[in-house]
Amino acid sequence: GKYDAIIIDVFVDTQVPEAFQTTKIAQLLHDHLTAKGVVLMNIIASIQGMHRAPLRNQIACLQTIFQHVTVFPAAVSLASAARQNFIVAASESEQRLESFLPEVPLVLTDDFWR
């Protein structure tokens, strides 16, 4: 089947398993997307320092298959060596953060969980 979005949030401790960091997987994901589909992958890494490799490696891998790879950091400060979450979006069309947000935000209340 073809999907509009494939969301990947898989970790062993704080690392994405190596099996999800290959060009073979990137191609498989690409093959299962619609023409305007997007892969969204959560990565825990840093911009600087010893924890930057997972993000850099995943971006490089996805760029071998997808025309557009965009990174959305969870934190405002990008100058930190501290780990944080990044959402990596890969697709054949350019992605903007606004395209992932609903027109009417969903506000959950405590009543929702009862």
C-alpha atoms as a PDB file:
ATOM      1  CA  GLY A   1       0.000   0.000   0.000  1.00  0.00           C
ATOM      2  CA  LYS A   2       0.872   3.664  -0.327  1.00  0.00           C
ATOM      3  CA  TYR A   3       0.724   6.044   2.610  1.00  0.00           C
ATOM      4  CA  ASP A   4       0.560   9.839   2.987  1.00  0.00           C
ATOM      5  CA  ALA A   5       2.739   9.669   6.097  1.00  0.00           C
ATOM      6  CA  ILE A   6       4.977   7.133   7.765  1.00  0.00           C
ATOM      7  CA  ILE A   7       5.983   8.022  11.326  1.00  0.00           C
ATOM      8  CA  ILE A   8       9.038   6.385  12.880  1.00  0.00           C
ATOM      9  CA  ASP A   9       9.649   6.662  16.608  1.00  0.00           C
ATOM     10  CA  VAL A  10      11.781   3.598  17.364  1.00  0.00           C
ATOM     11  CA  PHE A  11      14.544   3.574  19.965  1.00  0.00           C
ATOM     12  CA  VAL A  12      16.872   1.277  21.847  1.00  0.00           C
ATOM     13  CA  ASP A  13      17.726   3.464  24.834  1.00  0.00           C
ATOM     14  CA  THR A  14      18.212   6.825  23.054  1.00  0.00           C
ATOM     15  CA  GLN A  15      19.473   5.436  19.734  1.00  0.00           C
ATOM     16  CA  VAL A  16      17.593   4.645  16.547  1.00  0.00           C
ATOM     17  CA  PRO A  17      18.378   0.987  15.742  1.00  0.00           C
ATOM     18  CA  GLU A  18      20.943   0.559  12.956  1.00  0.00           C
ATOM     19  CA  ALA A  19      18.388  -1.322  10.867  1.00  0.00           C
ATOM     20  CA  PHE A  20      16.462   1.971  10.482  1.00  0.00           C
ATOM     21  CA  GLN A  21      19.553   3.904   9.350  1.00  0.00           C
ATOM     22  CA  THR A  22      20.227   2.225   6.005  1.00  0.00           C
ATOM     23  CA  THR A  23      19.608   3.286   2.427  1.00  0.00           C
ATOM     24  CA  LYS A  24      17.696   0.017   1.962  1.00  0.00           C
ATOM     25  CA  ILE A  25      15.152   1.101   4.596  1.00  0.00           C
ATOM     26  CA  ALA A  26      15.068   4.636   3.167  1.00  0.00           C
ATOM     27  CA  GLN A  27      14.235   3.181  -0.262  1.00  0.00           C
ATOM     28  CA  LEU A  28      11.584   0.895   1.231  1.00  0.00           C
ATOM     29  CA  LEU A  29       9.972   3.867   3.004  1.00  0.00           C
ATOM     30  CA  HIS A  30      10.096   5.887  -0.226  1.00  0.00           C
ATOM     31  CA  ASP A  31       8.453   3.057  -2.171  1.00  0.00           C
ATOM     32  CA  HIS A  32       5.512   2.968   0.271  1.00  0.00           C
ATOM     33  CA  LEU A  33       4.702   6.705   0.098  1.00  0.00           C
ATOM     34  CA  THR A  34       2.224   8.470  -2.131  1.00  0.00           C
ATOM     35  CA  ALA A  35       3.662  11.108  -4.474  1.00  0.00           C
ATOM     36  CA  LYS A  36       3.157  13.807  -1.823  1.00  0.00           C
ATOM     37  CA  GLY A  37       3.840  11.517   1.143  1.00  0.00           C
ATOM     38  CA  VAL A  38       6.312  12.195   3.929  1.00  0.00           C
ATOM     39  CA  VAL A  39       8.403  10.151   6.336  1.00  0.00           C
ATOM     40  CA  LEU A  40       8.622  11.700   9.821  1.00  0.00           C
ATOM     41  CA  MET A  41      11.357  10.326  12.041  1.00  0.00           C
ATOM     42  CA  ASN A  42      12.083  11.227  15.657  1.00  0.00           C
ATOM     43  CA  ILE A  43      15.826  11.403  16.392  1.00  0.00           C
ATOM     44  CA  ILE A  44      17.527  12.124  19.726  1.00  0.00           C
ATOM     45  CA  ALA A  45      20.801  13.927  19.076  1.00  0.00           C
ATOM     46  CA  SER A  46      22.586  17.243  19.415  1.00  0.00           C
ATOM     47  CA  ILE A  47      23.691  19.874  16.928  1.00  0.00           C
ATOM     48  CA  GLN A  48      27.213  19.971  18.336  1.00  0.00           C
ATOM     49  CA  GLY A  49      29.408  17.664  20.324  1.00  0.00           C
ATOM     50  CA  MET A  50      29.665  13.926  20.622  1.00  0.00           C
ATOM     51  CA  HIS A  51      25.922  13.262  20.185  1.00  0.00           C
ATOM     52  CA  ARG A  52      25.570  14.848  16.735  1.00  0.00           C
ATOM     53  CA  ALA A  53      26.360  11.731  14.664  1.00  0.00           C
ATOM     54  CA  PRO A  54      22.869  10.107  14.770  1.00  0.00           C
ATOM     55  CA  LEU A  55      21.209  13.184  13.287  1.00  0.00           C
ATOM     56  CA  ARG A  56      23.903  13.804  10.682  1.00  0.00           C
ATOM     57  CA  ASN A  57      23.975  10.141   9.647  1.00  0.00           C
ATOM     58  CA  GLN A  58      20.191   9.895   9.313  1.00  0.00           C
ATOM     59  CA  ILE A  59      20.010  13.065   7.233  1.00  0.00           C
ATOM     60  CA  ALA A  60      22.782  11.819   4.933  1.00  0.00           C
ATOM     61  CA  CYS A  61      21.072   8.448   4.517  1.00  0.00           C
ATOM     62  CA  LEU A  62      17.676   9.938   3.691  1.00  0.00           C
ATOM     63  CA  GLN A  63      19.205  12.468   1.275  1.00  0.00           C
ATOM     64  CA  THR A  64      20.460   9.595  -0.901  1.00  0.00           C
ATOM     65  CA  ILE A  65      16.832   8.632  -1.643  1.00  0.00           C
ATOM     66  CA  PHE A  66      14.593  11.674  -1.027  1.00  0.00           C
ATOM     67  CA  GLN A  67      14.647  15.032  -2.834  1.00  0.00           C
ATOM     68  CA  HIS A  68      13.862  16.990   0.339  1.00  0.00           C
ATOM     69  CA  VAL A  69      15.007  16.336   3.895  1.00  0.00           C
ATOM     70  CA  THR A  70      14.084  18.924   6.523  1.00  0.00           C
ATOM     71  CA  VAL A  71      14.916  18.981  10.233  1.00  0.00           C
ATOM     72  CA  PHE A  72      12.609  20.455  12.863  1.00  0.00           C
ATOM     73  CA  PRO A  73      14.282  20.843  16.292  1.00  0.00           C
ATOM     74  CA  ALA A  74      12.210  20.492  19.440  1.00  0.00           C
ATOM     75  CA  ALA A  75      14.184  23.183  21.281  1.00  0.00           C
ATOM     76  CA  VAL A  76      14.686  26.773  20.215  1.00  0.00           C
ATOM     77  CA  SER A  77      18.417  26.862  21.015  1.00  0.00           C
ATOM     78  CA  LEU A  78      20.480  25.112  18.352  1.00  0.00           C
ATOM     79  CA  ALA A  79      23.864  26.099  19.789  1.00  0.00           C
ATOM     80  CA  SER A  80      23.752  23.433  22.468  1.00  0.00           C
ATOM     81  CA  ALA A  81      25.652  20.182  22.716  1.00  0.00           C
ATOM     82  CA  ALA A  82      22.791  18.821  24.831  1.00  0.00           C
ATOM     83  CA  ARG A  83      20.638  16.061  23.383  1.00  0.00           C
ATOM     84  CA  GLN A  84      17.188  16.964  22.217  1.00  0.00           C
ATOM     85  CA  ASN A  85      14.501  15.612  19.925  1.00  0.00           C
ATOM     86  CA  PHE A  86      14.531  16.396  16.223  1.00  0.00           C
ATOM     87  CA  ILE A  87      11.847  15.515  13.723  1.00  0.00           C
ATOM     88  CA  VAL A  88      13.376  14.687  10.352  1.00  0.00           C
ATOM     89  CA  ALA A  89      10.944  14.989   7.433  1.00  0.00           C
ATOM     90  CA  ALA A  90      11.813  13.280   4.146  1.00  0.00           C
ATOM     91  CA  SER A  91       9.750  13.523   0.966  1.00  0.00           C
ATOM     92  CA  GLU A  92       9.770  14.288  -2.714  1.00  0.00           C
ATOM     93  CA  SER A  93       8.179  17.687  -2.066  1.00  0.00           C
ATOM     94  CA  GLU A  94       9.422  20.512   0.128  1.00  0.00           C
ATOM     95  CA  GLN A  95       8.048  20.344   3.671  1.00  0.00           C
ATOM     96  CA  ARG A  96       7.116  23.280   5.861  1.00  0.00           C
ATOM     97  CA  LEU A  97       6.209  22.991   9.521  1.00  0.00           C
ATOM     98  CA  GLU A  98       2.798  24.546   8.856  1.00  0.00           C
ATOM     99  CA  SER A  99       1.873  21.625   6.619  1.00  0.00           C
ATOM    100  CA  PHE A 100       1.960  19.272   9.612  1.00  0.00           C
ATOM    101  CA  LEU A 101      -0.295  21.394  11.825  1.00  0.00           C
ATOM    102  CA  PRO A 102      -4.076  21.036  11.726  1.00  0.00           C
ATOM    103  CA  GLU A 103      -6.118  24.089  10.764  1.00  0.00           C
ATOM    104  CA  VAL A 104      -8.051  23.857  14.010  1.00  0.00           C
ATOM    105  CA  PRO A 105      -5.820  22.821  16.918  1.00  0.00           C
ATOM    106  CA  LEU A 106      -7.026  19.924  19.024  1.00  0.00           C
ATOM    107  CA  VAL A 107      -7.056  20.841  22.700  1.00  0.00           C
ATOM    108  CA  LEU A 108      -7.228  17.869  25.031  1.00  0.00           C
ATOM    109  CA  THR A 109      -8.677  18.310  28.478  1.00  0.00           C
ATOM    110  CA  ASP A 110      -8.593  16.010  31.500  1.00  0.00           C
ATOM    111  CA  ASP A 111     -12.111  14.906  30.552  1.00  0.00           C
ATOM    112  CA  PHE A 112     -10.723  13.427  27.336  1.00  0.00           C
ATOM    113  CA  TRP A 113      -8.847  10.764  29.300  1.00  0.00           C
ATOM    114  CA  ARG A 114     -11.810   9.627  31.408  1.00  0.00           C
END
